[in-house]
PDB file of N, CA and C in Angstrom:
ATOM      1  N   MET A   1     -50.420 -65.188   9.574  1.00  0.00           N
ATOM      2  CA  MET A   1     -49.143 -65.863   9.467  1.00  0.00           C
ATOM      3  C   MET A   1     -48.004 -64.852   9.419  1.00  0.00           C
ATOM      4  N   LYS A   2     -48.252 -63.705   8.877  1.00  0.00           N
ATOM      5  CA  LYS A   2     -47.212 -62.684   8.788  1.00  0.00           C
ATOM      6  C   LYS A   2     -46.759 -62.236  10.176  1.00  0.00           C
ATOM      7  N   MET A   3     -47.640 -62.286  11.148  1.00  0.00           N
ATOM      8  CA  MET A   3     -47.326 -61.851  12.498  1.00  0.00           C
ATOM      9  C   MET A   3     -46.287 -62.761  13.161  1.00  0.00           C
ATOM     10  N   VAL A   4     -46.265 -64.035  12.778  1.00  0.00           N
ATOM     11  CA  VAL A   4     -45.321 -64.981  13.372  1.00  0.00           C
ATOM     12  C   VAL A   4     -43.884 -64.525  13.149  1.00  0.00           C
ATOM     13  N   THR A   5     -43.597 -63.981  11.994  1.00  0.00           N
ATOM     14  CA  THR A   5     -42.244 -63.505  11.684  1.00  0.00           C
ATOM     15  C   THR A   5     -41.787 -62.483  12.707  1.00  0.00           C
ATOM     16  N   TRP A   6     -42.632 -61.514  13.013  1.00  0.00           N
ATOM     17  CA  TRP A   6     -42.252 -60.447  13.938  1.00  0.00           C
ATOM     18  C   TRP A   6     -42.101 -60.971  15.364  1.00  0.00           C
ATOM     19  N   ILE A   7     -42.935 -61.918  15.748  1.00  0.00           N
ATOM     20  CA  ILE A   7     -42.844 -62.481  17.099  1.00  0.00           C
ATOM     21  C   ILE A   7     -41.554 -63.272  17.256  1.00  0.00           C
ATOM     22  N   VAL A   8     -41.258 -64.127  16.280  1.00  0.00           N
ATOM     23  CA  VAL A   8     -40.035 -64.931  16.352  1.00  0.00           C
ATOM     24  C   VAL A   8     -38.806 -64.040  16.348  1.00  0.00           C
ATOM     25  N   LEU A   9     -38.799 -63.026  15.475  1.00  0.00           N
ATOM     26  CA  LEU A   9     -37.640 -62.132  15.417  1.00  0.00           C
ATOM     27  C   LEU A   9     -37.450 -61.366  16.716  1.00  0.00           C
ATOM     28  N   SER A  10     -38.523 -61.044  17.404  1.00  0.00           N
ATOM     29  CA  SER A  10     -38.376 -60.293  18.648  1.00  0.00           C
ATOM     30  C   SER A  10     -37.907 -61.166  19.803  1.00  0.00           C
ATOM     31  N   GLU A  11     -38.001 -62.486  19.670  1.00  0.00           N
ATOM     32  CA  GLU A  11     -37.639 -63.372  20.773  1.00  0.00           C
ATOM     33  C   GLU A  11     -36.301 -64.078  20.619  1.00  0.00           C
ATOM     34  N   ILE A  12     -35.832 -64.300  19.420  1.00  0.00           N
ATOM     35  CA  ILE A  12     -34.689 -65.203  19.265  1.00  0.00           C
ATOM     36  C   ILE A  12     -33.332 -64.547  19.463  1.00  0.00           C
ATOM     37  N   TYR A  13     -33.265 -63.240  19.442  1.00  0.00           N
ATOM     38  CA  TYR A  13     -31.963 -62.586  19.550  1.00  0.00           C
ATOM     39  C   TYR A  13     -31.700 -62.109  20.969  1.00  0.00           C
ATOM     40  N   PRO A  14     -30.458 -62.199  21.445  1.00  0.00           N
ATOM     41  CA  PRO A  14     -30.108 -61.674  22.765  1.00  0.00           C
ATOM     42  C   PRO A  14     -30.277 -60.151  22.799  1.00  0.00           C
ATOM     43  N   ALA A  15     -30.481 -59.624  23.980  1.00  0.00           N
ATOM     44  CA  ALA A  15     -30.765 -58.191  24.136  1.00  0.00           C
ATOM     45  C   ALA A  15     -29.641 -57.316  23.579  1.00  0.00           C
ATOM     46  N   GLY A  16     -28.400 -57.746  23.665  1.00  0.00           N
ATOM     47  CA  GLY A  16     -27.273 -56.938  23.217  1.00  0.00           C
ATOM     48  C   GLY A  16     -27.223 -56.682  21.721  1.00  0.00           C
ATOM     49  N   ILE A  17     -27.751 -57.611  20.937  1.00  0.00           N
ATOM     50  CA  ILE A  17     -27.695 -57.444  19.480  1.00  0.00           C
ATOM     51  C   ILE A  17     -29.082 -57.411  18.851  1.00  0.00           C
ATOM     52  N   ARG A  18     -30.116 -57.345  19.647  1.00  0.00           N
ATOM     53  CA  ARG A  18     -31.472 -57.469  19.136  1.00  0.00           C
ATOM     54  C   ARG A  18     -31.791 -56.443  18.046  1.00  0.00           C
ATOM     55  N   GLY A  19     -31.426 -55.197  18.244  1.00  0.00           N
ATOM     56  CA  GLY A  19     -31.743 -54.154  17.269  1.00  0.00           C
ATOM     57  C   GLY A  19     -31.085 -54.383  15.923  1.00  0.00           C
ATOM     58  N   ARG A  20     -29.792 -54.651  15.932  1.00  0.00           N
ATOM     59  CA  ARG A  20     -29.072 -54.877  14.672  1.00  0.00           C
ATOM     60  C   ARG A  20     -29.527 -56.164  13.990  1.00  0.00           C
ATOM     61  N   ALA A  21     -29.710 -57.219  14.776  1.00  0.00           N
ATOM     62  CA  ALA A  21     -30.126 -58.496  14.200  1.00  0.00           C
ATOM     63  C   ALA A  21     -31.540 -58.398  13.631  1.00  0.00           C
ATOM     64  N   PHE A  22     -32.419 -57.698  14.341  1.00  0.00           N
ATOM     65  CA  PHE A  22     -33.782 -57.510  13.864  1.00  0.00           C
ATOM     66  C   PHE A  22     -33.780 -56.720  12.558  1.00  0.00           C
ATOM     67  N   ALA A  23     -32.943 -55.690  12.474  1.00  0.00           N
ATOM     68  CA  ALA A  23     -32.853 -54.887  11.251  1.00  0.00           C
ATOM     69  C   ALA A  23     -32.328 -55.729  10.090  1.00  0.00           C
ATOM     70  N   PHE A  24     -31.314 -56.552  10.338  1.00  0.00           N
ATOM     71  CA  PHE A  24     -30.773 -57.408   9.287  1.00  0.00           C
ATOM     72  C   PHE A  24     -31.818 -58.405   8.806  1.00  0.00           C
ATOM     73  N   ALA A  25     -32.502 -59.062   9.743  1.00  0.00           N
ATOM     74  CA  ALA A  25     -33.515 -60.050   9.371  1.00  0.00           C
ATOM     75  C   ALA A  25     -34.678 -59.392   8.633  1.00  0.00           C
ATOM     76  N   ASN A  26     -35.058 -58.190   9.057  1.00  0.00           N
ATOM     77  CA  ASN A  26     -36.135 -57.472   8.404  1.00  0.00           C
ATOM     78  C   ASN A  26     -35.740 -57.096   6.965  1.00  0.00           C
ATOM     79  N   ASN A  27     -34.513 -56.636   6.770  1.00  0.00           N
ATOM     80  CA  ASN A  27     -34.038 -56.319   5.426  1.00  0.00           C
ATOM     81  C   ASN A  27     -33.993 -57.564   4.541  1.00  0.00           C
ATOM     82  N   PHE A  28     -33.545 -58.673   5.097  1.00  0.00           N
ATOM     83  CA  PHE A  28     -33.529 -59.924   4.340  1.00  0.00           C
ATOM     84  C   PHE A  28     -34.939 -60.338   3.940  1.00  0.00           C
ATOM     85  N   ASN A  29     -35.896 -60.185   4.862  1.00  0.00           N
ATOM     86  CA  ASN A  29     -37.293 -60.516   4.584  1.00  0.00           C
ATOM     87  C   ASN A  29     -37.835 -59.676   3.432  1.00  0.00           C
ATOM     88  N   TRP A  30     -37.585 -58.378   3.469  1.00  0.00           N
ATOM     89  CA  TRP A  30     -38.070 -57.505   2.406  1.00  0.00           C
ATOM     90  C   TRP A  30     -37.348 -57.777   1.088  1.00  0.00           C
ATOM     91  N   ALA A  31     -36.073 -58.121   1.123  1.00  0.00           N
ATOM     92  CA  ALA A  31     -35.346 -58.463  -0.107  1.00  0.00           C
ATOM     93  C   ALA A  31     -35.920 -59.737  -0.732  1.00  0.00           C
ATOM     94  N   ALA A  32     -36.231 -60.727   0.102  1.00  0.00           N
ATOM     95  CA  ALA A  32     -36.836 -61.955  -0.418  1.00  0.00           C
ATOM     96  C   ALA A  32     -38.206 -61.663  -1.028  1.00  0.00           C
ATOM     97  N   ASN A  33     -38.994 -60.814  -0.371  1.00  0.00           N
ATOM     98  CA  ASN A  33     -40.297 -60.423  -0.933  1.00  0.00           C
ATOM     99  C   ASN A  33     -40.128 -59.718  -2.274  1.00  0.00           C
ATOM    100  N   LEU A  34     -39.123 -58.866  -2.386  1.00  0.00           N
ATOM    101  CA  LEU A  34     -38.868 -58.153  -3.637  1.00  0.00           C
ATOM    102  C   LEU A  34     -38.485 -59.117  -4.760  1.00  0.00           C
ATOM    103  N   ILE A  35     -37.612 -60.072  -4.453  1.00  0.00           N
ATOM    104  CA  ILE A  35     -37.181 -61.044  -5.464  1.00  0.00           C
ATOM    105  C   ILE A  35     -38.367 -61.874  -5.947  1.00  0.00           C
ATOM    106  N   ILE A  36     -39.207 -62.319  -5.023  1.00  0.00           N
ATOM    107  CA  ILE A  36     -40.382 -63.100  -5.416  1.00  0.00           C
ATOM    108  C   ILE A  36     -41.319 -62.254  -6.268  1.00  0.00           C
ATOM    109  N   SER A  37     -41.537 -61.020  -5.874  1.00  0.00           N
ATOM    110  CA  SER A  37     -42.438 -60.148  -6.629  1.00  0.00           C
ATOM    111  C   SER A  37     -41.920 -59.861  -8.028  1.00  0.00           C
ATOM    112  N   LEU A  38     -40.632 -59.670  -8.174  1.00  0.00           N
ATOM    113  CA  LEU A  38     -40.065 -59.350  -9.483  1.00  0.00           C
ATOM    114  C   LEU A  38     -39.990 -60.554 -10.422  1.00  0.00           C
ATOM    115  N   THR A  39     -39.870 -61.748  -9.874  1.00  0.00           N
ATOM    116  CA  THR A  39     -39.686 -62.929 -10.714  1.00  0.00           C
ATOM    117  C   THR A  39     -40.945 -63.771 -10.879  1.00  0.00           C
ATOM    118  N   PHE A  40     -42.009 -63.453 -10.179  1.00  0.00           N
ATOM    119  CA  PHE A  40     -43.198 -64.300 -10.154  1.00  0.00           C
ATOM    120  C   PHE A  40     -43.790 -64.524 -11.552  1.00  0.00           C
ATOM    121  N   LEU A  41     -43.993 -63.485 -12.321  1.00  0.00           N
ATOM    122  CA  LEU A  41     -44.613 -63.632 -13.635  1.00  0.00           C
ATOM    123  C   LEU A  41     -43.721 -64.404 -14.606  1.00  0.00           C
ATOM    124  N   GLU A  42     -42.411 -64.192 -14.537  1.00  0.00           N
ATOM    125  CA  GLU A  42     -41.507 -64.937 -15.398  1.00  0.00           C
ATOM    126  C   GLU A  42     -41.488 -66.423 -15.038  1.00  0.00           C
ATOM    127  N   VAL A  43     -41.543 -66.726 -13.750  1.00  0.00           N
ATOM    128  CA  VAL A  43     -41.558 -68.120 -13.311  1.00  0.00           C
ATOM    129  C   VAL A  43     -42.843 -68.800 -13.786  1.00  0.00           C
ATOM    130  N   ILE A  44     -43.966 -68.097 -13.724  1.00  0.00           N
ATOM    131  CA  ILE A  44     -45.225 -68.668 -14.228  1.00  0.00           C
ATOM    132  C   ILE A  44     -45.131 -68.923 -15.725  1.00  0.00           C
ATOM    133  N   ASP A  45     -44.528 -68.003 -16.469  1.00  0.00           N
ATOM    134  CA  ASP A  45     -44.387 -68.204 -17.912  1.00  0.00           C
ATOM    135  C   ASP A  45     -43.520 -69.413 -18.241  1.00  0.00           C
ATOM    136  N   VAL A  46     -42.480 -69.640 -17.460  1.00  0.00           N
ATOM    137  CA  VAL A  46     -41.553 -70.746 -17.744  1.00  0.00           C
ATOM    138  C   VAL A  46     -42.113 -72.085 -17.266  1.00  0.00           C
ATOM    139  N   PHE A  47     -42.604 -72.157 -16.023  1.00  0.00           N
ATOM    140  CA  PHE A  47     -43.002 -73.435 -15.423  1.00  0.00           C
ATOM    141  C   PHE A  47     -44.505 -73.669 -15.400  1.00  0.00           C
ATOM    142  N   GLY A  48     -45.285 -72.632 -15.554  1.00  0.00           N
ATOM    143  CA  GLY A  48     -46.734 -72.779 -15.464  1.00  0.00           C
ATOM    144  C   GLY A  48     -47.218 -72.478 -14.054  1.00  0.00           C
ATOM    145  N   LEU A  49     -48.501 -72.190 -13.951  1.00  0.00           N
ATOM    146  CA  LEU A  49     -49.090 -71.786 -12.677  1.00  0.00           C
ATOM    147  C   LEU A  49     -49.042 -72.901 -11.628  1.00  0.00           C
ATOM    148  N   SER A  50     -49.396 -74.112 -12.035  1.00  0.00           N
ATOM    149  CA  SER A  50     -49.442 -75.226 -11.081  1.00  0.00           C
ATOM    150  C   SER A  50     -48.075 -75.533 -10.480  1.00  0.00           C
ATOM    151  N   TRP A  51     -47.049 -75.615 -11.340  1.00  0.00           N
ATOM    152  CA  TRP A  51     -45.710 -75.944 -10.839  1.00  0.00           C
ATOM    153  C   TRP A  51     -45.134 -74.819  -9.979  1.00  0.00           C
ATOM    154  N   THR A  52     -45.489 -73.588 -10.309  1.00  0.00           N
ATOM    155  CA  THR A  52     -45.011 -72.455  -9.518  1.00  0.00           C
ATOM    156  C   THR A  52     -45.554 -72.529  -8.100  1.00  0.00           C
ATOM    157  N   PHE A  53     -46.863 -72.752  -7.979  1.00  0.00           N
ATOM    158  CA  PHE A  53     -47.444 -72.817  -6.640  1.00  0.00           C
ATOM    159  C   PHE A  53     -47.064 -74.105  -5.915  1.00  0.00           C
ATOM    160  N   LEU A  54     -46.817 -75.171  -6.644  1.00  0.00           N
ATOM    161  CA  LEU A  54     -46.312 -76.395  -6.024  1.00  0.00           C
ATOM    162  C   LEU A  54     -44.929 -76.143  -5.422  1.00  0.00           C
ATOM    163  N   PHE A  55     -44.093 -75.420  -6.163  1.00  0.00           N
ATOM    164  CA  PHE A  55     -42.769 -75.070  -5.645  1.00  0.00           C
ATOM    165  C   PHE A  55     -42.873 -74.192  -4.400  1.00  0.00           C
ATOM    166  N   TYR A  56     -43.727 -73.171  -4.439  1.00  0.00           N
ATOM    167  CA  TYR A  56     -43.905 -72.306  -3.266  1.00  0.00           C
ATOM    168  C   TYR A  56     -44.458 -73.086  -2.075  1.00  0.00           C
ATOM    169  N   GLY A  57     -45.384 -73.994  -2.334  1.00  0.00           N
ATOM    170  CA  GLY A  57     -45.920 -74.835  -1.261  1.00  0.00           C
ATOM    171  C   GLY A  57     -44.858 -75.737  -0.660  1.00  0.00           C
ATOM    172  N   PHE A  58     -44.010 -76.308  -1.522  1.00  0.00           N
ATOM    173  CA  PHE A  58     -42.915 -77.152  -1.045  1.00  0.00           C
ATOM    174  C   PHE A  58     -41.952 -76.354  -0.175  1.00  0.00           C
ATOM    175  N   MET A  59     -41.621 -75.140  -0.613  1.00  0.00           N
ATOM    176  CA  MET A  59     -40.717 -74.297   0.169  1.00  0.00           C
ATOM    177  C   MET A  59     -41.350 -73.925   1.514  1.00  0.00           C
ATOM    178  N   ALA A  60     -42.652 -73.700   1.541  1.00  0.00           N
ATOM    179  CA  ALA A  60     -43.342 -73.399   2.802  1.00  0.00           C
ATOM    180  C   ALA A  60     -43.298 -74.607   3.747  1.00  0.00           C
ATOM    181  N   MET A  61     -43.457 -75.806   3.200  1.00  0.00           N
ATOM    182  CA  MET A  61     -43.363 -77.004   4.040  1.00  0.00           C
ATOM    183  C   MET A  61     -41.954 -77.196   4.581  1.00  0.00           C
ATOM    184  N   MET A  62     -40.950 -76.907   3.768  1.00  0.00           N
ATOM    185  CA  MET A  62     -39.573 -77.025   4.228  1.00  0.00           C
ATOM    186  C   MET A  62     -39.291 -75.996   5.329  1.00  0.00           C
ATOM    187  N   ALA A  63     -39.839 -74.789   5.183  1.00  0.00           N
ATOM    188  CA  ALA A  63     -39.668 -73.769   6.212  1.00  0.00           C
ATOM    189  C   ALA A  63     -40.348 -74.188   7.513  1.00  0.00           C
ATOM    190  N   ALA A  64     -41.540 -74.775   7.415  1.00  0.00           N
ATOM    191  CA  ALA A  64     -42.241 -75.252   8.618  1.00  0.00           C
ATOM    192  C   ALA A  64     -41.456 -76.365   9.295  1.00  0.00           C
ATOM    193  N   LEU A  65     -40.872 -77.258   8.521  1.00  0.00           N
ATOM    194  CA  LEU A  65     -40.048 -78.328   9.085  1.00  0.00           C
ATOM    195  C   LEU A  65     -38.815 -77.756   9.780  1.00  0.00           C
ATOM    196  N   PHE A  66     -38.188 -76.772   9.153  1.00  0.00           N
ATOM    197  CA  PHE A  66     -37.029 -76.114   9.761  1.00  0.00           C
ATOM    198  C   PHE A  66     -37.410 -75.480  11.098  1.00  0.00           C
ATOM    199  N   ILE A  67     -38.532 -74.785  11.140  1.00  0.00           N
ATOM    200  CA  ILE A  67     -38.985 -74.140  12.373  1.00  0.00           C
ATOM    201  C   ILE A  67     -39.279 -75.181  13.437  1.00  0.00           C
ATOM    202  N   TYR A  68     -39.925 -76.283  13.066  1.00  0.00           N
ATOM    203  CA  TYR A  68     -40.246 -77.327  14.035  1.00  0.00           C
ATOM    204  C   TYR A  68     -38.989 -77.957  14.620  1.00  0.00           C
ATOM    205  N   ILE A  69     -37.974 -78.148  13.797  1.00  0.00           N
ATOM    206  CA  ILE A  69     -36.753 -78.812  14.264  1.00  0.00           C
ATOM    207  C   ILE A  69     -35.866 -77.868  15.074  1.00  0.00           C
ATOM    208  N   PHE A  70     -35.681 -76.638  14.616  1.00  0.00           N
ATOM    209  CA  PHE A  70     -34.658 -75.774  15.194  1.00  0.00           C
ATOM    210  C   PHE A  70     -35.157 -74.754  16.215  1.00  0.00           C
ATOM    211  N   LEU A  71     -36.440 -74.445  16.257  1.00  0.00           N
ATOM    212  CA  LEU A  71     -36.924 -73.436  17.200  1.00  0.00           C
ATOM    213  C   LEU A  71     -37.704 -74.084  18.335  1.00  0.00           C
ATOM    214  N   PRO A  72     -37.278 -73.882  19.578  1.00  0.00           N
ATOM    215  CA  PRO A  72     -38.002 -74.456  20.711  1.00  0.00           C
ATOM    216  C   PRO A  72     -39.241 -73.637  21.042  1.00  0.00           C
ATOM    217  N   GLU A  73     -40.135 -74.221  21.817  1.00  0.00           N
ATOM    218  CA  GLU A  73     -41.337 -73.527  22.266  1.00  0.00           C
ATOM    219  C   GLU A  73     -40.950 -72.476  23.304  1.00  0.00           C
ATOM    220  N   THR A  74     -41.466 -71.261  23.150  1.00  0.00           N
ATOM    221  CA  THR A  74     -41.129 -70.165  24.064  1.00  0.00           C
ATOM    222  C   THR A  74     -42.356 -69.582  24.744  1.00  0.00           C
ATOM    223  N   LYS A  75     -43.496 -70.224  24.634  1.00  0.00           N
ATOM    224  CA  LYS A  75     -44.724 -69.695  25.226  1.00  0.00           C
ATOM    225  C   LYS A  75     -44.624 -69.663  26.751  1.00  0.00           C
ATOM    226  N   GLY A  76     -44.936 -68.505  27.351  1.00  0.00           N
ATOM    227  CA  GLY A  76     -44.942 -68.361  28.791  1.00  0.00           C
ATOM    228  C   GLY A  76     -43.576 -68.201  29.432  1.00  0.00           C
ATOM    229  N   GLN A  77     -42.536 -67.956  28.651  1.00  0.00           N
ATOM    230  CA  GLN A  77     -41.197 -67.807  29.204  1.00  0.00           C
ATOM    231  C   GLN A  77     -40.741 -66.364  29.090  1.00  0.00           C
ATOM    232  N   SER A  78     -39.921 -65.944  30.045  1.00  0.00           N
ATOM    233  CA  SER A  78     -39.381 -64.585  30.000  1.00  0.00           C
ATOM    234  C   SER A  78     -38.259 -64.525  28.967  1.00  0.00           C
ATOM    235  N   LEU A  79     -37.843 -63.311  28.626  1.00  0.00           N
ATOM    236  CA  LEU A  79     -36.765 -63.154  27.649  1.00  0.00           C
ATOM    237  C   LEU A  79     -35.459 -63.751  28.150  1.00  0.00           C
ATOM    238  N   GLU A  80     -35.220 -63.680  29.456  1.00  0.00           N
ATOM    239  CA  GLU A  80     -34.004 -64.270  30.020  1.00  0.00           C
ATOM    240  C   GLU A  80     -34.020 -65.788  29.891  1.00  0.00           C
ATOM    241  N   GLN A  81     -35.186 -66.392  30.158  1.00  0.00           N
ATOM    242  CA  GLN A  81     -35.295 -67.843  30.012  1.00  0.00           C
ATOM    243  C   GLN A  81     -35.114 -68.265  28.556  1.00  0.00           C
ATOM    244  N   ILE A  82     -35.675 -67.484  27.654  1.00  0.00           N
ATOM    245  CA  ILE A  82     -35.535 -67.789  26.233  1.00  0.00           C
ATOM    246  C   ILE A  82     -34.075 -67.668  25.814  1.00  0.00           C
ATOM    247  N   SER A  83     -33.395 -66.649  26.313  1.00  0.00           N
ATOM    248  CA  SER A  83     -31.979 -66.476  25.995  1.00  0.00           C
ATOM    249  C   SER A  83     -31.164 -67.666  26.481  1.00  0.00           C
ATOM    250  N   ARG A  84     -31.435 -68.124  27.699  1.00  0.00           N
ATOM    251  CA  ARG A  84     -30.738 -69.312  28.218  1.00  0.00           C
ATOM    252  C   ARG A  84     -31.069 -70.544  27.396  1.00  0.00           C
ATOM    253  N   LEU A  85     -32.320 -70.664  26.988  1.00  0.00           N
ATOM    254  CA  LEU A  85     -32.744 -71.809  26.196  1.00  0.00           C
ATOM    255  C   LEU A  85     -31.994 -71.860  24.870  1.00  0.00           C
ATOM    256  N   PHE A  86     -31.871 -70.718  24.202  1.00  0.00           N
ATOM    257  CA  PHE A  86     -31.168 -70.697  22.926  1.00  0.00           C
ATOM    258  C   PHE A  86     -29.669 -70.886  23.085  1.00  0.00           C
ATOM    259  N   SER A  87     -29.111 -70.466  24.202  1.00  0.00           N
ATOM    260  CA  SER A  87     -27.666 -70.618  24.357  1.00  0.00           C
ATOM    261  C   SER A  87     -27.275 -72.036  24.761  1.00  0.00           C
ATOM    262  N   HIS A  88     -28.145 -72.784  25.445  1.00  0.00           N
ATOM    263  CA  HIS A  88     -27.784 -74.114  25.922  1.00  0.00           C
ATOM    264  C   HIS A  88     -28.328 -75.257  25.064  1.00  0.00           C
ATOM    265  N   GLN A  89     -29.537 -75.124  24.551  1.00  0.00           N
ATOM    266  CA  GLN A  89     -30.150 -76.232  23.832  1.00  0.00           C
ATOM    267  C   GLN A  89     -30.474 -75.836  22.407  1.00  0.00           C
ATOM    268  N   ARG A  90     -29.581 -75.181  21.776  1.00  0.00           N
ATOM    269  CA  ARG A  90     -29.873 -74.609  20.458  1.00  0.00           C
ATOM    270  C   ARG A  90     -30.273 -75.666  19.439  1.00  0.00           C
ATOM    271  N   PHE A  91     -29.557 -76.776  19.380  1.00  0.00           N
ATOM    272  CA  PHE A  91     -29.819 -77.749  18.332  1.00  0.00           C
ATOM    273  C   PHE A  91     -30.155 -79.124  18.917  1.00  0.00           C
ATOM    274  N   SER A  92     -30.877 -79.167  20.022  1.00  0.00           N
ATOM    275  CA  SER A  92     -31.156 -80.460  20.647  1.00  0.00           C
ATOM    276  C   SER A  92     -32.026 -81.338  19.764  1.00  0.00           C
ATOM    277  N   LYS A  93     -33.129 -80.788  19.224  1.00  0.00           N
ATOM    278  CA  LYS A  93     -33.984 -81.579  18.339  1.00  0.00           C
ATOM    279  C   LYS A  93     -33.251 -81.920  17.049  1.00  0.00           C
ATOM    280  N   ALA A  94     -32.482 -80.981  16.547  1.00  0.00           N
ATOM    281  CA  ALA A  94     -31.759 -81.224  15.307  1.00  0.00           C
ATOM    282  C   ALA A  94     -30.735 -82.333  15.500  1.00  0.00           C
ATOM    283  N   GLY A  95     -30.072 -82.350  16.643  1.00  0.00           N
ATOM    284  CA  GLY A  95     -29.096 -83.398  16.929  1.00  0.00           C
ATOM    285  C   GLY A  95     -29.740 -84.764  16.983  1.00  0.00           C
ATOM    286  N   ILE A  96     -30.921 -84.859  17.564  1.00  0.00           N
ATOM    287  CA  ILE A  96     -31.641 -86.127  17.628  1.00  0.00           C
ATOM    288  C   ILE A  96     -32.020 -86.582  16.230  1.00  0.00           C
ATOM    289  N   CYS A  97     -32.526 -85.656  15.413  1.00  0.00           N
ATOM    290  CA  CYS A  97     -32.905 -86.002  14.035  1.00  0.00           C
ATOM    291  C   CYS A  97     -31.692 -86.446  13.228  1.00  0.00           C
ATOM    292  N   LEU A  98     -30.565 -85.742  13.394  1.00  0.00           N
ATOM    293  CA  LEU A  98     -29.363 -86.112  12.644  1.00  0.00           C
ATOM    294  C   LEU A  98     -28.850 -87.479  13.069  1.00  0.00           C
ATOM    295  N   LYS A  99     -28.932 -87.798  14.370  1.00  0.00           N
ATOM    296  CA  LYS A  99     -28.501 -89.114  14.833  1.00  0.00           C
ATOM    297  C   LYS A  99     -29.364 -90.208  14.217  1.00  0.00           C
ATOM    298  N   ARG A 100     -30.676 -89.964  14.129  1.00  0.00           N
ATOM    299  CA  ARG A 100     -31.563 -90.947  13.505  1.00  0.00           C
ATOM    300  C   ARG A 100     -31.228 -91.125  12.030  1.00  0.00           C
ATOM    301  N   LEU A 101     -30.945 -90.028  11.349  1.00  0.00           N
ATOM    302  CA  LEU A 101     -30.606 -90.124   9.930  1.00  0.00           C
ATOM    303  C   LEU A 101     -29.286 -90.856   9.720  1.00  0.00           C
ATOM    304  N   ARG A 102     -28.331 -90.636  10.621  1.00  0.00           N
ATOM    305  CA  ARG A 102     -27.036 -91.304  10.485  1.00  0.00           C
ATOM    306  C   ARG A 102     -27.169 -92.813  10.627  1.00  0.00           C
ATOM    307  N   ARG A 103     -28.072 -93.261  11.504  1.00  0.00           N
ATOM    308  CA  ARG A 103     -28.262 -94.694  11.684  1.00  0.00           C
ATOM    309  C   ARG A 103     -28.809 -95.348  10.417  1.00  0.00           C
ATOM    310  N   LYS A 104     -29.630 -94.612   9.673  1.00  0.00           N
ATOM    311  CA  LYS A 104     -30.284 -95.167   8.501  1.00  0.00           C
ATOM    312  C   LYS A 104     -29.437 -95.073   7.240  1.00  0.00           C
ATOM    313  N   ARG A 105     -28.304 -94.412   7.332  1.00  0.00           N
ATOM    314  CA  ARG A 105     -27.469 -94.247   6.142  1.00  0.00           C
ATOM    315  C   ARG A 105     -26.888 -95.571   5.689  1.00  0.00           C
ATOM    316  N   ARG A 106     -26.616 -95.631   4.402  1.00  0.00           N
ATOM    317  CA  ARG A 106     -25.969 -96.823   3.860  1.00  0.00           C
ATOM    318  C   ARG A 106     -24.461 -96.709   4.041  1.00  0.00           C
ATOM    319  N   LYS A 107     -23.802 -97.802   3.847  1.00  0.00           N
ATOM    320  CA  LYS A 107     -22.339 -97.837   3.957  1.00  0.00           C
ATOM    321  C   LYS A 107     -21.717 -97.078   2.789  1.00  0.00           C
ATOM    322  N   LEU A 108     -20.597 -96.426   3.064  1.00  0.00           N
ATOM    323  CA  LEU A 108     -19.872 -95.709   2.018  1.00  0.00           C
ATOM    324  C   LEU A 108     -19.092 -96.698   1.166  1.00  0.00           C
ATOM    325  N   PRO A 109     -18.979 -96.429  -0.136  1.00  0.00           N
ATOM    326  CA  PRO A 109     -18.164 -97.301  -0.995  1.00  0.00           C
ATOM    327  C   PRO A 109     -16.707 -97.274  -0.539  1.00  0.00           C
ATOM    328  N   SER A 110     -15.977 -98.309  -0.878  1.00  0.00           N
ATOM    329  CA  SER A 110     -14.575 -98.356  -0.470  1.00  0.00           C
ATOM    330  C   SER A 110     -13.818 -97.200  -1.119  1.00  0.00           C
ATOM    331  N   GLY A 111     -12.858 -96.678  -0.405  1.00  0.00           N
ATOM    332  CA  GLY A 111     -12.088 -95.548  -0.893  1.00  0.00           C
ATOM    333  C   GLY A 111     -12.600 -94.213  -0.366  1.00  0.00           C
ATOM    334  N   TYR A 112     -13.788 -94.202   0.244  1.00  0.00           N
ATOM    335  CA  TYR A 112     -14.348 -92.983   0.813  1.00  0.00           C
ATOM    336  C   TYR A 112     -14.316 -93.081   2.327  1.00  0.00           C
ATOM    337  N   GLN A 113     -14.203 -91.949   2.969  1.00  0.00           N
ATOM    338  CA  GLN A 113     -14.254 -91.944   4.420  1.00  0.00           C
ATOM    339  C   GLN A 113     -15.237 -90.877   4.875  1.00  0.00           C
ATOM    340  N   GLU A 114     -15.834 -91.110   6.030  1.00  0.00           N
ATOM    341  CA  GLU A 114     -16.814 -90.179   6.575  1.00  0.00           C
ATOM    342  C   GLU A 114     -16.118 -89.153   7.448  1.00  0.00           C
ATOM    343  N   LEU A 115     -16.510 -87.898   7.303  1.00  0.00           N
ATOM    344  CA  LEU A 115     -15.970 -86.834   8.125  1.00  0.00           C
ATOM    345  C   LEU A 115     -16.917 -86.589   9.294  1.00  0.00           C
ATOM    346  N   GLU A 116     -16.400 -86.487  10.466  1.00  0.00           N
ATOM    347  CA  GLU A 116     -17.198 -86.204  11.656  1.00  0.00           C
ATOM    348  C   GLU A 116     -17.319 -84.704  11.826  1.00  0.00           C
ATOM    349  N   MET A 117     -18.500 -84.228  12.195  1.00  0.00           N
ATOM    350  CA  MET A 117     -18.690 -82.813  12.476  1.00  0.00           C
ATOM    351  C   MET A 117     -18.350 -82.566  13.939  1.00  0.00           C
ATOM    352  N   SER A 118     -17.552 -81.559  14.191  1.00  0.00           N
ATOM    353  CA  SER A 118     -17.211 -81.226  15.565  1.00  0.00           C
ATOM    354  C   SER A 118     -18.274 -80.307  16.132  1.00  0.00           C
ATOM    355  N   SER A 119     -18.519 -80.418  17.419  1.00  0.00           N
ATOM    356  CA  SER A 119     -19.519 -79.551  18.050  1.00  0.00           C
ATOM    357  C   SER A 119     -18.913 -78.188  18.296  1.00  0.00           C
ATOM    358  N   MET A 120     -19.773 -77.160  18.206  1.00  0.00           N
ATOM    359  CA  MET A 120     -19.313 -75.788  18.364  1.00  0.00           C
ATOM    360  C   MET A 120     -19.345 -75.375  19.803  1.00  0.00           C
TER     361      MET A 120
END
């Protein structure tokens, strides 16, 4: 599973910023590992072993959901095709999911108004 991180990081950034972006993402990854390592025993003492691993499992499921929604399949594609894919269809699945969620929302109480998000 650790290998997936390196593969995704090597594919998602455009060639012009790949080195800097890869370095930033790698530093963030190691910082997150450091924070987890330093706080793990204290979290177990406060919440207990079961709740700690339940929390980590929940966060892993949320990360998998994020990857499924926001990252397209890149198997068998060249770096140029992947770059075009990320520049044109970046949030296509996410947009579909958000539209479905908006339909299911309840009505706002009187006195409140909904703000529309503008596309970038």
